[in-house]
N, C-alpha and C. Protein backbone atom coordinates (compact mmCIF):
# COMPACT_ATOMS: atom_id res chain seq x y z
N MET A 1 147.55 222.40 159.41
CA MET A 1 148.29 222.60 158.19
C MET A 1 149.40 221.55 158.12
N ALA A 2 149.46 220.83 157.03
CA ALA A 2 150.45 219.77 156.87
C ALA A 2 151.79 220.36 156.44
N MET A 3 152.86 219.68 156.86
CA MET A 3 154.19 220.12 156.46
C MET A 3 154.41 219.80 154.99
N PRO A 4 155.06 220.70 154.25
CA PRO A 4 155.34 220.39 152.85
C PRO A 4 156.43 219.32 152.75
N ARG A 5 156.31 218.47 151.75
CA ARG A 5 157.30 217.42 151.56
C ARG A 5 158.53 217.98 150.88
N PRO A 6 159.72 217.47 151.24
CA PRO A 6 160.94 217.95 150.58
C PRO A 6 160.97 217.48 149.12
N THR A 7 161.54 218.31 148.28
CA THR A 7 161.64 217.97 146.86
C THR A 7 162.88 217.12 146.62
N VAL A 8 162.98 216.59 145.41
CA VAL A 8 164.14 215.80 145.03
C VAL A 8 165.41 216.65 145.08
N ALA A 9 165.30 217.89 144.66
CA ALA A 9 166.46 218.78 144.68
C ALA A 9 166.94 219.02 146.12
N GLN A 10 166.00 219.16 147.05
CA GLN A 10 166.39 219.36 148.44
C GLN A 10 167.10 218.13 149.00
N PHE A 11 166.60 216.94 148.68
CA PHE A 11 167.29 215.72 149.10
C PHE A 11 168.69 215.64 148.51
N ALA A 12 168.80 215.91 147.23
CA ALA A 12 170.09 215.77 146.54
C ALA A 12 171.12 216.76 147.08
N TYR A 13 170.73 218.03 147.16
CA TYR A 13 171.68 219.04 147.65
C TYR A 13 172.06 218.80 149.12
N GLY A 14 171.08 218.44 149.92
CA GLY A 14 171.37 218.18 151.34
C GLY A 14 172.30 216.99 151.52
N SER A 15 172.06 215.91 150.78
CA SER A 15 172.92 214.72 150.89
C SER A 15 174.33 215.01 150.42
N CYS A 16 174.46 215.70 149.29
CA CYS A 16 175.80 216.05 148.79
C CYS A 16 176.54 216.96 149.78
N ALA A 17 175.80 217.87 150.38
CA ALA A 17 176.44 218.77 151.34
C ALA A 17 176.94 218.00 152.56
N VAL A 18 176.15 217.02 153.03
CA VAL A 18 176.57 216.23 154.19
C VAL A 18 177.82 215.42 153.86
N ILE A 19 177.80 214.73 152.73
CA ILE A 19 178.93 213.85 152.36
C ILE A 19 180.20 214.67 152.13
N LEU A 20 180.09 215.72 151.33
CA LEU A 20 181.28 216.50 151.00
C LEU A 20 181.82 217.26 152.21
N SER A 21 180.94 217.81 153.03
CA SER A 21 181.43 218.54 154.20
C SER A 21 182.03 217.59 155.23
N THR A 22 181.51 216.37 155.35
CA THR A 22 182.10 215.39 156.26
C THR A 22 183.52 215.04 155.83
N LEU A 23 183.67 214.75 154.54
CA LEU A 23 185.00 214.42 154.03
C LEU A 23 185.97 215.60 154.21
N ALA A 24 185.51 216.79 153.87
CA ALA A 24 186.39 217.96 153.98
C ALA A 24 186.76 218.24 155.43
N LEU A 25 185.81 218.15 156.34
CA LEU A 25 186.11 218.43 157.75
C LEU A 25 187.03 217.37 158.35
N LEU A 26 186.82 216.11 157.97
CA LEU A 26 187.70 215.06 158.49
C LEU A 26 189.12 215.23 157.97
N LEU A 27 189.26 215.59 156.70
CA LEU A 27 190.60 215.78 156.14
C LEU A 27 191.28 217.02 156.72
N LEU A 28 190.51 218.09 156.88
CA LEU A 28 191.12 219.34 157.38
C LEU A 28 191.42 219.29 158.87
N SER A 29 190.55 218.63 159.63
CA SER A 29 190.78 218.61 161.08
C SER A 29 191.82 217.56 161.48
N GLY A 30 191.92 216.49 160.71
CA GLY A 30 192.88 215.45 161.03
C GLY A 30 192.55 214.71 162.31
N THR A 31 191.32 214.72 162.73
CA THR A 31 190.93 214.05 163.97
C THR A 31 190.84 212.54 163.76
N SER A 32 191.15 211.81 164.79
CA SER A 32 191.04 210.35 164.73
C SER A 32 190.30 209.80 165.94
N SER A 33 189.93 210.68 166.87
CA SER A 33 189.20 210.22 168.06
C SER A 33 187.71 210.10 167.74
N GLY A 34 187.03 209.31 168.52
CA GLY A 34 185.59 209.11 168.33
C GLY A 34 184.80 210.38 168.58
N ALA A 35 185.20 211.15 169.57
CA ALA A 35 184.50 212.41 169.88
C ALA A 35 184.68 213.42 168.74
N GLY A 36 185.87 213.47 168.19
CA GLY A 36 186.12 214.40 167.08
C GLY A 36 185.32 214.05 165.85
N VAL A 37 185.23 212.75 165.55
CA VAL A 37 184.44 212.30 164.40
C VAL A 37 182.96 212.59 164.64
N ALA A 38 182.48 212.42 165.86
CA ALA A 38 181.08 212.70 166.18
C ALA A 38 180.77 214.18 166.01
N VAL A 39 181.69 215.05 166.44
CA VAL A 39 181.48 216.49 166.27
C VAL A 39 181.45 216.85 164.78
N VAL A 40 182.36 216.26 164.00
CA VAL A 40 182.39 216.52 162.56
C VAL A 40 181.09 216.05 161.92
N ALA A 41 180.58 214.89 162.34
CA ALA A 41 179.33 214.36 161.77
C ALA A 41 178.15 215.26 162.10
N VAL A 42 178.09 215.76 163.33
CA VAL A 42 176.98 216.65 163.72
C VAL A 42 177.05 217.96 162.94
N VAL A 43 178.26 218.51 162.80
CA VAL A 43 178.42 219.75 162.04
C VAL A 43 178.04 219.54 160.58
N ALA A 44 178.44 218.40 160.00
CA ALA A 44 178.11 218.11 158.60
C ALA A 44 176.60 217.94 158.41
N LEU A 45 175.94 217.28 159.33
CA LEU A 45 174.48 217.13 159.25
C LEU A 45 173.78 218.47 159.35
N ALA A 46 174.25 219.32 160.25
CA ALA A 46 173.65 220.65 160.37
C ALA A 46 173.84 221.46 159.09
N LEU A 47 175.03 221.37 158.51
CA LEU A 47 175.28 222.08 157.25
C LEU A 47 174.40 221.54 156.12
N GLY A 48 174.24 220.22 156.08
CA GLY A 48 173.37 219.63 155.07
C GLY A 48 171.93 220.05 155.22
N LEU A 49 171.47 220.17 156.46
CA LEU A 49 170.11 220.63 156.72
C LEU A 49 169.91 222.07 156.27
N VAL A 50 170.90 222.92 156.56
CA VAL A 50 170.82 224.32 156.14
C VAL A 50 170.77 224.42 154.62
N VAL A 51 171.61 223.64 153.94
CA VAL A 51 171.63 223.67 152.48
C VAL A 51 170.29 223.19 151.92
N ALA A 52 169.74 222.12 152.47
CA ALA A 52 168.47 221.59 151.98
C ALA A 52 167.33 222.58 152.19
N VAL A 53 167.35 223.30 153.29
CA VAL A 53 166.28 224.26 153.56
C VAL A 53 166.39 225.48 152.64
N ARG A 54 167.60 225.84 152.28
CA ARG A 54 167.81 227.03 151.46
C ARG A 54 167.50 226.81 149.98
N VAL A 55 167.40 225.54 149.54
CA VAL A 55 167.05 225.27 148.14
C VAL A 55 165.60 225.70 147.94
N PRO A 56 165.34 226.47 146.88
CA PRO A 56 163.96 226.92 146.67
C PRO A 56 163.02 225.75 146.43
N GLY A 57 161.87 225.81 147.04
CA GLY A 57 160.87 224.76 146.90
C GLY A 57 160.06 224.96 145.64
N PRO A 58 159.08 224.10 145.42
CA PRO A 58 158.24 224.24 144.23
C PRO A 58 157.41 225.52 144.31
N THR A 59 157.20 226.10 143.16
CA THR A 59 156.42 227.33 143.11
C THR A 59 154.95 227.02 143.29
N SER A 60 154.27 227.94 143.86
CA SER A 60 152.84 227.79 144.07
C SER A 60 152.13 227.93 142.74
N ARG A 61 151.11 227.10 142.53
CA ARG A 61 150.37 227.16 141.28
C ARG A 61 149.04 227.89 141.44
N ARG A 62 148.99 228.74 142.39
CA ARG A 62 147.78 229.53 142.58
C ARG A 62 147.74 230.63 141.54
N PRO A 63 146.55 230.97 141.06
CA PRO A 63 146.49 232.07 140.11
C PRO A 63 146.81 233.39 140.81
N ALA A 64 147.36 234.29 140.05
CA ALA A 64 147.71 235.59 140.62
C ALA A 64 146.44 236.32 141.06
N ALA A 65 146.59 237.12 142.09
CA ALA A 65 145.45 237.87 142.59
C ALA A 65 145.03 238.91 141.56
N VAL A 66 143.77 238.88 141.20
CA VAL A 66 143.24 239.80 140.20
C VAL A 66 142.49 240.90 140.94
N PRO A 67 142.84 242.15 140.64
CA PRO A 67 142.11 243.23 141.31
C PRO A 67 140.65 243.22 140.88
N PRO A 68 139.76 243.63 141.76
CA PRO A 68 138.34 243.61 141.40
C PRO A 68 138.06 244.58 140.26
N ALA A 69 137.21 244.15 139.36
CA ALA A 69 136.86 244.98 138.20
C ALA A 69 135.94 246.11 138.64
N THR A 70 136.00 247.20 137.92
CA THR A 70 135.11 248.31 138.23
C THR A 70 133.70 247.93 137.81
N PRO A 71 132.72 248.22 138.63
CA PRO A 71 131.36 247.83 138.28
C PRO A 71 130.85 248.62 137.08
N LEU A 72 130.10 247.93 136.22
CA LEU A 72 129.50 248.58 135.06
C LEU A 72 128.25 249.33 135.51
N PRO A 73 127.91 250.40 134.79
CA PRO A 73 126.69 251.12 135.19
C PRO A 73 125.46 250.24 134.96
N VAL A 74 124.51 250.40 135.85
CA VAL A 74 123.27 249.62 135.76
C VAL A 74 122.34 250.32 134.79
N ARG A 75 121.83 249.54 133.84
CA ARG A 75 120.90 250.12 132.87
C ARG A 75 119.47 249.71 133.26
N ALA A 76 118.57 250.65 133.07
CA ALA A 76 117.17 250.36 133.37
C ALA A 76 116.62 249.42 132.30
N THR A 77 115.78 248.51 132.73
CA THR A 77 115.19 247.59 131.77
C THR A 77 113.95 248.22 131.16
N VAL A 78 113.75 247.97 129.90
CA VAL A 78 112.60 248.49 129.18
C VAL A 78 111.64 247.34 128.97
N PRO A 79 110.37 247.53 129.29
CA PRO A 79 109.43 246.43 129.11
C PRO A 79 109.29 246.09 127.62
N SER A 80 109.14 244.81 127.36
CA SER A 80 108.99 244.38 125.97
C SER A 80 107.63 244.83 125.46
N PRO A 81 107.50 245.01 124.13
CA PRO A 81 106.20 245.44 123.60
C PRO A 81 105.15 244.40 123.91
N SER A 82 103.94 244.88 124.15
CA SER A 82 102.89 243.94 124.54
C SER A 82 102.50 243.08 123.35
N ARG A 83 101.95 241.95 123.64
CA ARG A 83 101.57 241.01 122.58
C ARG A 83 100.26 241.42 121.92
N GLU A 84 99.56 242.34 122.52
CA GLU A 84 98.29 242.78 121.96
C GLU A 84 98.51 243.64 120.73
N ARG A 85 99.66 244.18 120.61
CA ARG A 85 99.94 245.06 119.49
C ARG A 85 99.89 244.27 118.20
N VAL A 86 99.27 244.87 117.21
CA VAL A 86 99.10 244.20 115.93
C VAL A 86 100.44 244.26 115.20
N ARG A 87 100.84 243.11 114.72
CA ARG A 87 102.08 243.06 113.98
C ARG A 87 101.83 243.47 112.54
N GLU A 88 102.83 244.12 112.00
CA GLU A 88 102.71 244.56 110.61
C GLU A 88 102.94 243.36 109.71
N PRO A 89 102.23 243.28 108.59
CA PRO A 89 102.41 242.14 107.70
C PRO A 89 103.80 242.20 107.05
N VAL A 90 104.32 241.04 106.78
CA VAL A 90 105.62 240.94 106.16
C VAL A 90 105.44 241.07 104.67
N HIS A 91 106.15 241.98 104.06
CA HIS A 91 106.07 242.17 102.62
C HIS A 91 107.19 241.41 101.95
N GLU A 92 106.79 240.58 100.97
CA GLU A 92 107.80 239.86 100.24
C GLU A 92 108.13 240.63 98.99
N ARG A 93 109.40 240.58 98.64
CA ARG A 93 109.80 241.27 97.43
C ARG A 93 109.54 240.36 96.24
N ALA A 94 109.03 240.95 95.24
CA ALA A 94 108.81 240.19 94.02
C ALA A 94 110.10 240.16 93.24
N ALA A 95 110.38 238.99 92.71
CA ALA A 95 111.58 238.86 91.90
C ALA A 95 111.35 239.54 90.57
N SER A 96 112.20 240.48 90.23
CA SER A 96 112.00 241.15 88.95
C SER A 96 113.20 241.03 88.08
């Protein structure tokens, strides 16, 4: 089974979440060390991934499951009239 591809909405929401959370965490934490920035970046990436996964994906285009129909009663077949039978002559109406 192949993995489903991310949609445009998932890319957009995930990217915005990473950028905005990185900026917010850097401003709120006030860190200036390399280790602190790395931790903020990892946390922001994780948050962006969570946001991207939570965005609803495309809906399935499968038809809805239809319950099975109730079977119709079986009718007995009647043999067609034999060809040996003499056909009645066709009477034409006279125009009056």
